[in-house]
Amino acid sequence: MLAGGTGARRRRRIAKAGKVHVRRLCGDALGAWSEKRVKRFIFVTGGTGYIGTRAVAALLQRGHRVRALTRAESRGKLPAGCEVALGNALDRHTFATQVSPCDTFVQLVGTPHPGPSKAAEFERVDLVSVRESVQAAATAGVAHFIYVSVAHPVRVMRAYQEVRIRGEGLIRDAGLKATILRPWYVLGPGHWWPIALLPFYAIAALVPSMRDGARRTGLVTINQMVRALVAAVEAGPPSEARILDVTAIRRS
């Protein structure tokens, strides 16, 4: 039974909660940012992907210098003004010398449209790419490593969670100062189907036993992810690992 009353009163509370979720999923890509910021030199892997193209464009718009790793055939996907680093994200020897003198490393490589059937690809792409990136960043003396992980623990997509958790461990073991983002699902062009789940999130938010899980696995928009990434870059390296969960990503 839902907490907080029955009948019409309960329906009003659920409707109100749903509207709050919708408001949280709205906003501009950059919003109102402070003009006081340190210009960074950022090395990005996965810069031609779903999050990467938008994050690179936003960082350039903010006046930062960006160098993105890409294969030769994909360089045309990078926004104008982005420096090109040709190489293979799964082999650091093809790009490690191009990381320096960047002060920030943003790791965005991942399997597109992850699903339960892609466990082998998570191992082959997601895990290998973060391992290679961590070693390249550590060798180059990068001051700040930013990694998009995933919300956990969750009962589904366990293979994906396990690989991302191992990625976090690699960063920690390398002694890198890092910001780790833990979204669950990022809404945006071609990724809208979970919007139908908003009423269920609203209901779960009202049930004490379900509330924490609903918050941990809440939906964020691509705009909110871009805002969070830009904010993490501009905040600079933390003294200890900085974790941005779904709630923190929405607030960035």
Foldseek 3Di string as FASTA:
>chain_A
DFPDDDDPRVVVLLVVLLVVLVVLQDDALAPDDDLDFDAFEEEEEPLLDDLNQSLQVVSVVNVHAYEYEDAPVRPVSHDPRHHYQYDDLLALVSGLVVCPPGQEYEYDKDDPPDDPVCLVVCVRTVLSSLLSVLVSCLVNVHQEYEYEAAQDDDPPPVSRNVSSVVSVVSNVVSVHQYEYEHEHAEDDVVRPVCSVCSSVLSRLCRHVVRNVVSQQHPYYYSSLQSNVVSVDVRVTGDPHYHYQGNVNSSVD
